N, C-alpha and C. Protein backbone atom coordinates (compact mmCIF):
# COMPACT_ATOMS: atom_id res chain seq x y z
N UNK A 1 24.86 -2.84 10.23
CA UNK A 1 23.74 -2.97 9.42
C UNK A 1 23.16 -1.22 9.19
N UNK A 2 22.73 -1.12 7.96
CA UNK A 2 22.63 0.18 7.85
C UNK A 2 20.65 0.51 8.57
N UNK A 3 20.47 1.73 8.84
CA UNK A 3 19.66 2.12 9.09
C UNK A 3 18.62 2.56 8.82
N UNK A 4 19.03 2.60 7.22
CA UNK A 4 17.89 2.73 5.97
C UNK A 4 17.07 1.43 5.61
N UNK A 5 16.37 1.79 4.45
CA UNK A 5 15.98 0.17 3.77
C UNK A 5 16.65 0.16 2.79
N UNK A 6 16.67 -0.95 2.43
CA UNK A 6 17.64 -1.38 1.73
C UNK A 6 17.27 -0.80 -0.13
N UNK A 7 18.51 -0.34 -0.71
CA UNK A 7 17.60 -0.35 -2.45
C UNK A 7 17.54 -1.58 -3.00
N UNK A 8 18.27 -3.15 -2.47
CA UNK A 8 17.67 -4.35 -2.93
C UNK A 8 16.88 -4.74 -2.34
N UNK A 9 16.21 -4.49 -1.31
CA UNK A 9 14.83 -4.52 -0.60
C UNK A 9 13.96 -4.04 -1.42
N UNK A 10 14.19 -2.27 -1.73
CA UNK A 10 12.99 -1.95 -3.07
C UNK A 10 12.81 -2.26 -4.33
N UNK A 11 14.16 -2.59 -4.72
CA UNK A 11 14.16 -3.15 -6.52
C UNK A 11 13.28 -4.29 -6.34
N UNK A 12 13.31 -5.84 -5.28
CA UNK A 12 12.84 -6.74 -5.14
C UNK A 12 11.71 -6.59 -4.93
N UNK A 13 11.31 -5.80 -4.36
CA UNK A 13 9.49 -5.52 -4.17
C UNK A 13 8.87 -5.21 -5.45
N UNK A 14 9.49 -4.04 -5.88
CA UNK A 14 9.31 -3.59 -7.31
C UNK A 14 9.06 -4.67 -8.36
N UNK A 15 9.94 -5.44 -8.46
CA UNK A 15 10.28 -6.20 -9.53
C UNK A 15 9.42 -7.39 -9.26
N UNK A 16 9.00 -7.52 -8.23
CA UNK A 16 7.44 -8.32 -7.98
C UNK A 16 6.32 -8.07 -8.31
N UNK A 17 6.19 -7.08 -8.20
CA UNK A 17 4.67 -5.98 -8.37
C UNK A 17 4.70 -5.25 -9.49
N UNK A 18 4.97 -5.51 -10.45
CA UNK A 18 4.97 -4.82 -11.36
C UNK A 18 3.93 -4.13 -11.82
N UNK A 19 3.73 -2.89 -11.74
CA UNK A 19 2.85 -1.82 -12.32
C UNK A 19 2.42 -1.66 -13.45
N UNK A 20 3.08 -1.71 -14.26
CA UNK A 20 3.03 -2.24 -15.91
C UNK A 20 2.23 -3.02 -16.34
N UNK A 21 2.55 -4.02 -15.96
CA UNK A 21 1.98 -5.15 -15.52
C UNK A 21 0.73 -5.65 -15.47
N UNK A 22 0.65 -4.73 -14.00
CA UNK A 22 -1.21 -4.44 -13.54
C UNK A 22 -2.24 -3.69 -14.04
N UNK A 23 -1.64 -2.66 -15.00
CA UNK A 23 -2.24 -1.71 -15.88
C UNK A 23 -2.61 -2.60 -17.02
N UNK A 24 -2.04 -3.42 -17.55
CA UNK A 24 -2.19 -3.96 -18.92
C UNK A 24 -2.92 -5.47 -18.15
N UNK A 25 -3.13 -5.83 -17.26
CA UNK A 25 -3.81 -6.62 -16.45
C UNK A 25 -5.45 -6.28 -16.34
N UNK A 26 -5.36 -4.70 -16.17
CA UNK A 26 -6.46 -4.08 -15.66
C UNK A 26 -7.54 -3.99 -16.78
N UNK A 27 -6.81 -3.51 -18.04
CA UNK A 27 -6.91 -3.55 -19.23
C UNK A 27 -7.49 -4.91 -20.42
N UNK A 28 -6.86 -5.81 -19.69
CA UNK A 28 -7.57 -6.66 -19.91
C UNK A 28 -8.47 -6.99 -19.48
N UNK A 29 -9.03 -7.09 -17.63
CA UNK A 29 -10.11 -7.27 -17.42
C UNK A 29 -11.18 -6.57 -17.44
N UNK A 30 -11.02 -4.98 -18.25
CA UNK A 30 -12.28 -4.44 -18.11
C UNK A 30 -12.25 -4.49 -20.21
N UNK A 31 -11.76 -4.86 -20.62
CA UNK A 31 -12.02 -4.95 -22.49
C UNK A 31 -13.35 -5.48 -22.75
N UNK A 32 -14.09 -4.26 -23.63
CA UNK A 32 -15.82 -4.69 -23.26
C UNK A 32 -17.16 -4.49 -22.35
N UNK A 33 -16.22 -3.92 -21.20
CA UNK A 33 -17.02 -3.19 -20.09
C UNK A 33 -17.16 -2.10 -19.56
N UNK A 34 -18.16 -1.61 -19.23
CA UNK A 34 -18.41 -0.55 -18.96
C UNK A 34 -19.05 -0.19 -17.48
N UNK A 35 -19.25 1.02 -16.95
CA UNK A 35 -19.25 1.32 -15.63
C UNK A 35 -19.24 0.69 -14.43
N UNK A 36 -20.12 0.03 -13.92
CA UNK A 36 -19.81 -0.98 -12.89
C UNK A 36 -19.44 -2.17 -13.01
N UNK A 37 -20.03 -2.71 -14.20
CA UNK A 37 -19.25 -4.00 -14.77
C UNK A 37 -17.81 -3.83 -14.73
N UNK A 38 -17.42 -2.97 -15.20
CA UNK A 38 -16.05 -2.73 -15.27
C UNK A 38 -15.29 -2.13 -14.27
N UNK A 39 -16.22 -1.51 -13.47
CA UNK A 39 -15.57 -0.86 -12.14
C UNK A 39 -15.20 -2.04 -11.26
N UNK A 40 -16.10 -3.30 -10.89
CA UNK A 40 -16.33 -4.47 -10.58
C UNK A 40 -14.91 -5.47 -10.67
N UNK A 41 -14.72 -5.14 -12.17
CA UNK A 41 -13.76 -6.04 -13.00
C UNK A 41 -12.25 -6.19 -12.46
N UNK A 42 -12.21 -4.28 -12.88
CA UNK A 42 -10.62 -4.04 -12.39
C UNK A 42 -10.16 -4.04 -10.72
N UNK A 43 -11.76 -3.96 -10.00
CA UNK A 43 -11.67 -4.01 -8.66
C UNK A 43 -11.48 -5.51 -7.99
N UNK A 44 -11.13 -6.41 -9.01
CA UNK A 44 -10.77 -7.75 -8.12
C UNK A 44 -9.82 -8.06 -8.80
N UNK A 45 -9.23 -7.58 -9.77
CA UNK A 45 -7.63 -7.33 -10.31
C UNK A 45 -6.61 -6.49 -8.94
N UNK A 46 -7.47 -5.66 -9.05
CA UNK A 46 -6.67 -4.56 -8.16
C UNK A 46 -6.19 -5.35 -6.68
N UNK A 47 -7.49 -5.77 -6.24
CA UNK A 47 -7.35 -6.66 -4.79
C UNK A 47 -6.35 -7.71 -4.42
N UNK A 48 -6.12 -8.24 -5.67
CA UNK A 48 -5.26 -9.56 -6.08
C UNK A 48 -4.06 -8.88 -6.25
N UNK A 49 -3.84 -7.82 -6.79
CA UNK A 49 -2.50 -7.29 -6.84
C UNK A 49 -2.17 -6.77 -5.57
N UNK A 50 -3.05 -6.20 -4.42
CA UNK A 50 -3.02 -5.54 -3.06
C UNK A 50 -2.39 -5.99 -1.98
N UNK A 51 -3.26 -7.75 -2.40
CA UNK A 51 -2.57 -8.73 -1.48
C UNK A 51 -1.29 -8.95 -1.61
N UNK A 52 -1.06 -9.12 -2.93
CA UNK A 52 0.36 -10.06 -3.32
C UNK A 52 1.63 -9.39 -2.88
N UNK A 53 0.98 -7.93 -3.39
CA UNK A 53 1.88 -6.77 -3.27
C UNK A 53 2.50 -6.60 -1.90
N UNK A 54 1.42 -6.46 -1.23
CA UNK A 54 2.07 -6.00 0.75
C UNK A 54 2.56 -7.28 1.13
N UNK A 55 1.82 -9.00 0.86
CA UNK A 55 2.43 -9.98 1.05
C UNK A 55 3.95 -10.23 0.84
N UNK A 56 4.36 -9.26 -0.32
CA UNK A 56 5.94 -9.41 -0.68
C UNK A 56 6.50 -8.43 -0.03
N UNK A 57 6.49 -7.03 0.39
CA UNK A 57 6.64 -5.91 1.25
C UNK A 57 6.79 -6.73 2.51
N UNK A 58 6.12 -7.46 3.32
CA UNK A 58 6.33 -8.27 3.86
C UNK A 58 7.23 -9.41 4.31
N UNK A 59 7.37 -10.03 3.69
CA UNK A 59 8.16 -11.46 3.08
C UNK A 59 9.75 -10.73 3.08
N UNK A 60 9.99 -9.78 2.02
CA UNK A 60 11.15 -9.10 1.87
C UNK A 60 11.41 -8.33 2.70
N UNK A 61 10.47 -7.49 3.44
CA UNK A 61 11.32 -6.70 4.36
C UNK A 61 11.81 -7.16 5.43
N UNK A 62 10.99 -8.96 6.19
CA UNK A 62 11.62 -9.62 7.02
C UNK A 62 13.43 -9.88 7.04
N UNK A 63 12.75 -10.40 5.67
CA UNK A 63 14.34 -11.08 5.46
C UNK A 63 15.54 -10.26 4.76
N UNK A 64 15.38 -8.92 4.96
CA UNK A 64 15.96 -7.46 4.57
C UNK A 64 16.31 -6.76 5.67
N UNK A 65 16.06 -7.34 6.86
CA UNK A 65 16.14 -6.39 7.77
C UNK A 65 16.91 -4.79 8.18
N UNK A 66 16.89 -4.23 8.89
CA UNK A 66 17.90 -3.16 9.13
C UNK A 66 17.77 -2.71 10.20
N UNK A 67 18.71 -1.68 10.59
CA UNK A 67 18.81 -1.53 12.49
C UNK A 67 17.92 -1.01 12.90
N UNK A 68 17.51 -0.11 12.17
CA UNK A 68 15.81 0.71 12.80
C UNK A 68 14.94 -0.37 12.92
N UNK A 69 14.43 -1.24 11.70
CA UNK A 69 13.80 -2.58 11.87
C UNK A 69 14.39 -3.37 13.43
N UNK A 70 14.90 -3.44 13.44
CA UNK A 70 15.65 -4.17 14.87
C UNK A 70 15.40 -3.69 15.45
N UNK A 71 15.40 -2.32 16.26
CA UNK A 71 15.53 -1.68 17.32
C UNK A 71 14.39 -1.72 17.41
N UNK A 72 13.52 -1.83 16.68
CA UNK A 72 12.09 -1.12 16.37
C UNK A 72 11.09 -2.46 17.57
N UNK A 73 11.56 -3.58 16.59
CA UNK A 73 11.12 -5.30 17.04
C UNK A 73 11.34 -4.78 18.67
N UNK A 74 12.92 -4.81 19.14
CA UNK A 74 13.03 -5.23 20.55
C UNK A 74 12.22 -3.85 21.52
N UNK A 75 12.41 -3.09 21.08
CA UNK A 75 11.27 -2.11 21.78
C UNK A 75 9.88 -2.40 21.84
N UNK A 76 9.17 -3.03 20.88
CA UNK A 76 8.31 -3.49 20.67
C UNK A 76 7.51 -4.92 21.49
N UNK A 77 8.69 -5.73 21.58
CA UNK A 77 8.50 -6.40 22.60
C UNK A 77 8.48 -6.59 23.72
N UNK A 78 9.70 -5.35 24.03
CA UNK A 78 9.83 -5.17 25.83
C UNK A 78 8.79 -4.37 26.36
N UNK A 79 8.29 -3.76 25.50
CA UNK A 79 6.93 -2.63 26.16
C UNK A 79 5.33 -3.06 25.53
N UNK A 80 5.49 -3.79 25.10
CA UNK A 80 4.06 -4.95 24.34
C UNK A 80 3.83 -3.59 23.33
N UNK A 81 4.03 -2.50 22.96
CA UNK A 81 3.66 -1.26 22.27
C UNK A 81 4.43 -1.27 21.03
N UNK A 82 3.72 -0.33 20.37
CA UNK A 82 4.47 0.29 19.31
C UNK A 82 4.53 -0.74 17.75
N UNK A 83 4.29 -1.55 18.21
CA UNK A 83 3.89 -2.39 16.84
C UNK A 83 2.43 -1.61 15.65
N UNK A 84 1.86 -0.79 16.49
CA UNK A 84 0.95 -0.19 16.10
C UNK A 84 1.25 1.08 16.60
N UNK A 85 1.89 2.17 15.75
CA UNK A 85 1.31 2.01 14.43
C UNK A 85 3.08 1.77 13.66
N UNK A 86 3.94 1.61 14.15
CA UNK A 86 5.39 1.92 13.50
C UNK A 86 5.52 0.73 13.01
N UNK A 87 5.47 -0.57 13.53
CA UNK A 87 6.08 -1.99 12.46
C UNK A 87 5.01 -1.57 11.39
N UNK A 88 3.99 -1.81 11.65
CA UNK A 88 3.05 -1.64 10.53
C UNK A 88 3.57 -0.18 9.36
N UNK A 89 3.82 0.86 9.80
CA UNK A 89 4.30 2.02 9.01
C UNK A 89 5.61 1.64 8.03
N UNK A 90 6.18 0.34 8.97
CA UNK A 90 7.43 0.36 7.77
C UNK A 90 7.48 -0.49 6.57
N UNK A 91 6.59 -1.58 7.00
CA UNK A 91 5.89 -2.31 5.47
C UNK A 91 4.92 -1.38 5.09
N UNK A 92 4.10 -0.71 5.46
CA UNK A 92 3.57 0.35 4.51
C UNK A 92 4.92 1.19 3.13
N UNK A 93 5.79 1.61 4.15
CA UNK A 93 6.64 2.55 3.18
C UNK A 93 7.57 1.56 2.64
N UNK A 94 7.88 0.26 2.77
CA UNK A 94 8.47 -0.43 1.93
C UNK A 94 7.70 -0.57 0.69
N UNK A 95 5.94 -1.07 0.66
CA UNK A 95 5.09 -1.53 -0.34
C UNK A 95 5.49 0.19 -1.29
N UNK A 96 5.08 1.04 -0.75
CA UNK A 96 4.55 2.34 -1.43
C UNK A 96 6.22 2.97 -1.94
N UNK A 97 7.00 2.69 -1.22
CA UNK A 97 8.65 3.43 -1.86
C UNK A 97 9.02 2.55 -2.98
N UNK A 98 8.54 1.35 -3.22
CA UNK A 98 9.08 0.30 -3.90
C UNK A 98 8.69 0.44 -5.26
N UNK A 99 7.43 1.12 -5.43
CA UNK A 99 6.98 1.22 -6.74
C UNK A 99 6.48 2.65 -7.02
N UNK A 100 6.42 3.12 -6.03
CA UNK A 100 5.95 4.76 -6.40
C UNK A 100 7.19 5.94 -7.11
N UNK A 101 6.58 6.81 -7.47
CA UNK A 101 8.05 7.64 -7.95
C UNK A 101 8.49 8.67 -6.51
N UNK A 102 7.97 8.69 -5.68
CA UNK A 102 8.30 9.41 -4.54
C UNK A 102 9.46 8.61 -3.56
N UNK A 103 10.43 9.24 -2.66
CA UNK A 103 11.31 8.77 -2.05
C UNK A 103 10.76 8.79 -0.64
N UNK A 104 10.35 9.63 -0.42
CA UNK A 104 9.13 10.17 1.11
C UNK A 104 8.03 9.96 1.23
N UNK A 105 7.83 9.17 2.32
CA UNK A 105 6.13 8.72 2.28
C UNK A 105 5.62 10.42 3.26
N UNK A 106 4.32 10.50 2.69
CA UNK A 106 3.72 11.86 3.19
C UNK A 106 3.31 11.13 4.63
N UNK A 107 3.53 11.13 6.06
CA UNK A 107 3.28 10.37 6.92
C UNK A 107 2.11 11.91 7.81
N UNK A 108 0.73 11.71 7.64
CA UNK A 108 0.50 12.97 8.35
C UNK A 108 0.02 12.60 9.45
N UNK A 109 -0.19 11.62 10.38
CA UNK A 109 -0.61 11.09 11.66
C UNK A 109 0.12 9.87 11.58
N UNK A 110 0.97 10.07 13.17
CA UNK A 110 1.64 8.58 13.62
C UNK A 110 1.58 8.42 15.21
N UNK A 111 0.45 7.93 15.50
CA UNK A 111 0.38 7.70 16.90
C UNK A 111 0.04 6.49 17.62
N UNK A 112 -0.68 6.22 18.85
CA UNK A 112 -0.75 4.75 18.97
C UNK A 112 -1.99 4.56 19.01
N UNK A 113 -3.13 5.48 18.23
CA UNK A 113 -4.23 5.44 18.11
C UNK A 113 -4.31 5.71 16.42
N UNK A 114 -3.72 6.25 16.01
CA UNK A 114 -3.72 6.37 14.21
C UNK A 114 -2.45 6.44 13.44
N UNK A 115 -2.31 5.43 12.16
CA UNK A 115 -1.61 5.86 11.08
C UNK A 115 -2.07 6.43 10.01
N UNK A 116 -1.97 7.67 9.67
CA UNK A 116 -2.40 8.34 8.50
C UNK A 116 -1.69 9.02 7.81
N UNK A 117 -1.53 8.15 6.25
CA UNK A 117 -0.43 8.87 5.53
C UNK A 117 -1.51 9.20 3.82
N UNK A 118 -0.52 9.81 3.37
CA UNK A 118 -1.17 10.06 1.77
C UNK A 118 -0.30 9.96 0.48
N UNK A 119 -0.65 9.50 -0.31
CA UNK A 119 -0.12 9.48 -1.85
C UNK A 119 -0.52 10.55 -2.70
N UNK A 120 0.51 11.80 -2.99
CA UNK A 120 0.54 12.69 -3.56
C UNK A 120 0.63 12.08 -5.55
N UNK A 121 1.57 11.84 -5.99
CA UNK A 121 1.59 11.56 -7.52
C UNK A 121 1.44 9.58 -6.93
N UNK A 122 1.01 8.88 -7.87
CA UNK A 122 0.51 7.24 -7.74
C UNK A 122 1.06 6.97 -9.00
N UNK A 123 2.00 5.76 -9.02
CA UNK A 123 2.41 5.37 -9.74
C UNK A 123 1.13 4.09 -10.65
N UNK A 124 0.52 3.57 -9.72
CA UNK A 124 -0.63 2.99 -10.12
C UNK A 124 -1.89 3.52 -10.77
N UNK A 125 -2.31 4.50 -9.81
CA UNK A 125 -3.37 5.65 -11.07
C UNK A 125 -2.72 5.98 -11.98
N UNK A 126 -1.74 6.32 -12.40
CA UNK A 126 -0.83 7.07 -13.53
C UNK A 126 -0.92 5.78 -14.65
N UNK A 127 -0.26 4.74 -14.44
CA UNK A 127 -0.32 3.68 -15.02
C UNK A 127 -2.10 3.24 -15.82
N UNK A 128 -2.41 3.32 -14.81
CA UNK A 128 -4.28 2.67 -14.95
C UNK A 128 -4.65 4.01 -15.68
N UNK A 129 -4.18 5.34 -16.01
CA UNK A 129 -5.05 6.18 -16.82
C UNK A 129 -4.22 6.31 -17.71
N UNK A 130 -3.51 6.09 -18.28
CA UNK A 130 -2.53 5.63 -19.61
C UNK A 130 -2.61 4.01 -20.06
N UNK A 131 -2.75 3.51 -19.44
CA UNK A 131 -3.39 1.91 -20.15
C UNK A 131 -4.70 1.89 -20.81
N UNK A 132 -5.42 2.18 -19.39
CA UNK A 132 -7.09 1.91 -19.78
C UNK A 132 -8.08 2.92 -19.99
N UNK A 133 -7.45 4.44 -19.65
CA UNK A 133 -8.38 5.55 -20.13
C UNK A 133 -8.65 6.21 -18.55
N UNK A 134 -8.96 7.30 -18.81
CA UNK A 134 -9.69 8.13 -17.88
C UNK A 134 -10.98 7.85 -16.99
N UNK A 135 -11.84 6.78 -17.85
CA UNK A 135 -12.94 6.55 -17.23
C UNK A 135 -12.42 5.59 -16.25
N UNK A 136 -11.72 4.85 -16.42
CA UNK A 136 -11.42 3.21 -15.60
C UNK A 136 -10.38 4.10 -14.44
N UNK A 137 -9.50 5.20 -14.58
CA UNK A 137 -8.92 5.77 -13.79
C UNK A 137 -9.82 6.70 -12.46
N UNK A 138 -10.84 7.28 -13.17
CA UNK A 138 -11.72 8.10 -12.32
C UNK A 138 -12.28 7.19 -11.59
N UNK A 139 -12.84 5.75 -12.12
CA UNK A 139 -13.65 5.10 -11.05
C UNK A 139 -13.10 4.85 -10.02
N UNK A 140 -11.90 5.48 -9.28
CA UNK A 140 -10.97 4.88 -8.49
C UNK A 140 -10.84 3.45 -7.76
N UNK A 141 -11.51 2.48 -8.95
CA UNK A 141 -11.16 0.76 -8.46
C UNK A 141 -9.92 0.56 -8.27
N UNK A 142 -8.74 1.47 -8.25
CA UNK A 142 -7.39 1.21 -7.91
C UNK A 142 -7.41 1.36 -6.23
N UNK A 143 -8.23 2.05 -5.85
CA UNK A 143 -8.56 1.88 -4.15
C UNK A 143 -8.06 0.89 -3.75
N UNK A 144 -8.87 -0.65 -4.34
CA UNK A 144 -8.39 -1.91 -4.00
C UNK A 144 -7.39 -2.43 -3.88
N UNK A 145 -6.65 -1.75 -4.74
CA UNK A 145 -5.16 -2.65 -4.50
C UNK A 145 -3.91 -1.80 -2.84
N UNK A 146 -4.58 -0.65 -2.72
CA UNK A 146 -4.24 -0.13 -1.57
C UNK A 146 -5.07 -0.56 0.03
N UNK A 147 -6.61 -0.31 -0.15
CA UNK A 147 -7.06 -1.14 1.00
C UNK A 147 -6.42 -2.56 1.48
N UNK A 148 -6.87 -3.42 0.35
CA UNK A 148 -6.83 -4.91 0.47
C UNK A 148 -5.06 -5.20 0.82
N UNK A 149 -4.16 -4.25 0.36
CA UNK A 149 -3.16 -4.75 0.97
C UNK A 149 -2.82 -4.01 2.34
N UNK A 150 -3.57 -2.48 2.48
CA UNK A 150 -3.63 -2.55 4.15
C UNK A 150 -4.42 -3.91 4.95
N UNK A 151 -5.23 -4.28 4.54
CA UNK A 151 -6.12 -5.08 5.23
C UNK A 151 -4.93 -6.56 5.61
N UNK A 152 -4.57 -6.88 4.55
CA UNK A 152 -3.44 -8.05 4.32
C UNK A 152 -2.36 -7.79 5.52
N UNK A 153 -1.84 -6.57 5.32
CA UNK A 153 -0.70 -5.97 6.20
C UNK A 153 -1.44 -6.48 7.74
N UNK A 154 -2.17 -5.77 8.19
CA UNK A 154 -2.69 -5.45 9.47
C UNK A 154 -3.00 -6.89 9.86
N UNK A 155 -3.58 -7.86 8.89
CA UNK A 155 -3.59 -9.44 8.92
C UNK A 155 -2.96 -10.40 9.41
N UNK A 156 -1.49 -10.06 8.37
CA UNK A 156 -0.31 -10.80 8.55
C UNK A 156 0.30 -10.42 10.14
N UNK A 157 0.12 -9.07 10.53
CA UNK A 157 0.83 -8.68 12.22
C UNK A 157 -0.17 -9.19 12.75
N UNK A 158 -1.30 -9.28 12.81
CA UNK A 158 -2.06 -10.16 13.62
C UNK A 158 -2.35 -8.44 14.55
N UNK A 159 -2.55 -7.37 13.72
CA UNK A 159 -2.60 -6.20 14.23
C UNK A 159 -4.32 -6.15 14.19
N UNK A 160 -5.39 -5.69 14.91
CA UNK A 160 -6.74 -4.70 14.54
C UNK A 160 -6.87 -3.48 14.44
N UNK A 161 -6.84 -3.18 13.36
CA UNK A 161 -7.27 -1.63 13.00
C UNK A 161 -8.19 -1.67 12.25
N UNK A 162 -9.07 -0.33 12.27
CA UNK A 162 -9.71 -0.73 11.19
C UNK A 162 -9.40 0.12 10.33
N UNK A 163 -9.70 0.27 8.90
CA UNK A 163 -8.83 0.74 7.75
C UNK A 163 -9.60 1.46 6.68
N UNK A 164 -9.77 2.70 6.18
CA UNK A 164 -10.34 3.68 5.60
C UNK A 164 -9.62 4.38 4.85
N UNK A 165 -10.35 5.14 3.68
CA UNK A 165 -9.56 5.75 2.63
C UNK A 165 -10.61 7.04 2.65
N UNK A 166 -9.95 8.25 3.09
CA UNK A 166 -10.50 9.58 3.41
C UNK A 166 -10.27 10.67 2.31
N UNK A 167 -9.45 10.40 1.22
CA UNK A 167 -9.56 11.09 0.17
C UNK A 167 -9.02 10.24 -0.75
N UNK A 168 -9.00 11.10 -2.16
CA UNK A 168 -8.66 10.01 -3.60
C UNK A 168 -8.58 10.77 -4.36
N UNK A 169 -7.59 10.65 -5.33
CA UNK A 169 -7.11 11.45 -6.60
C UNK A 169 -8.18 12.04 -6.98
N UNK A 170 -9.22 11.52 -7.42
CA UNK A 170 -10.56 12.05 -7.97
C UNK A 170 -11.61 11.46 -6.64
N UNK A 171 -12.02 12.51 -6.18
CA UNK A 171 -11.89 14.20 -6.46
C UNK A 171 -10.76 15.24 -6.35
N UNK A 172 -9.60 14.81 -5.08
CA UNK A 172 -9.17 15.45 -4.11
C UNK A 172 -7.64 15.26 -4.48
N UNK A 173 -7.26 15.03 -5.53
CA UNK A 173 -5.72 15.02 -6.24
C UNK A 173 -4.81 14.28 -5.28
N UNK A 174 -5.06 13.71 -4.33
CA UNK A 174 -4.32 12.47 -3.35
C UNK A 174 -5.05 11.81 -2.64
N UNK A 175 -4.40 10.56 -2.64
CA UNK A 175 -5.24 9.78 -1.70
C UNK A 175 -4.88 9.67 -0.43
N UNK A 176 -6.02 9.56 0.55
CA UNK A 176 -5.36 9.21 2.04
C UNK A 176 -6.07 8.04 2.52
N UNK A 177 -5.10 7.58 3.61
CA UNK A 177 -5.27 6.09 4.24
C UNK A 177 -5.38 6.23 5.52
N UNK A 178 -6.15 5.86 6.53
CA UNK A 178 -5.99 5.91 7.63
C UNK A 178 -6.56 4.57 8.46
N UNK A 179 -5.46 3.96 9.35
CA UNK A 179 -5.59 3.25 10.06
C UNK A 179 -5.49 3.25 11.37
N UNK A 180 -7.19 3.08 12.41
CA UNK A 180 -7.39 3.59 13.45
C UNK A 180 -7.31 1.73 14.26
N UNK A 181 -6.32 2.33 15.32
CA UNK A 181 -6.74 1.19 16.56
C UNK A 181 -7.75 1.17 17.11
N UNK A 182 -8.44 0.07 17.85
CA UNK A 182 -9.57 -0.07 18.27
C UNK A 182 -9.03 0.59 19.86
N UNK A 183 -10.28 1.05 20.04
CA UNK A 183 -10.44 2.21 21.14
C UNK A 183 -10.38 1.36 22.61
N UNK A 184 -9.80 1.70 23.53
CA UNK A 184 -9.41 0.59 25.08
C UNK A 184 -8.14 0.26 24.51
């Protein structure tokens, strides 16, 4: 059993989480709408995508296990630790590596209280900008895909964590997400 995520896993998540179709769905949702109305319509579609995207990453990530994950699960079971943030990080990586143009996650912080990661070049934001225009992309309604995805992930893993977005493509040039374990 390999220690790496399988290409079959990433390909399957990518196929199920089609970013081009998402951009088309967003374009249809915002057609004839402007401002807050367009942002809310886009946000709803992004939220649905984020939930399905993470559910797919979870389902297929369990189905296509690897040696690293098996060892991590055993250690988490023995110690009652490591589920946060390490198990969650695996599924964040599966979800993003499947659809993003990069092959390595930018993990800023990973410890028993926080998981922080950055997305510097985003396929979703790029596709929405190309298909729907700069106004829709600049609204950052796409954040709903990632935030809903994280909420779905932690809910399905039954891990309590506060989730926040501390930077975004507009104006920061990257998105940054923080999952914070509850104190104590």
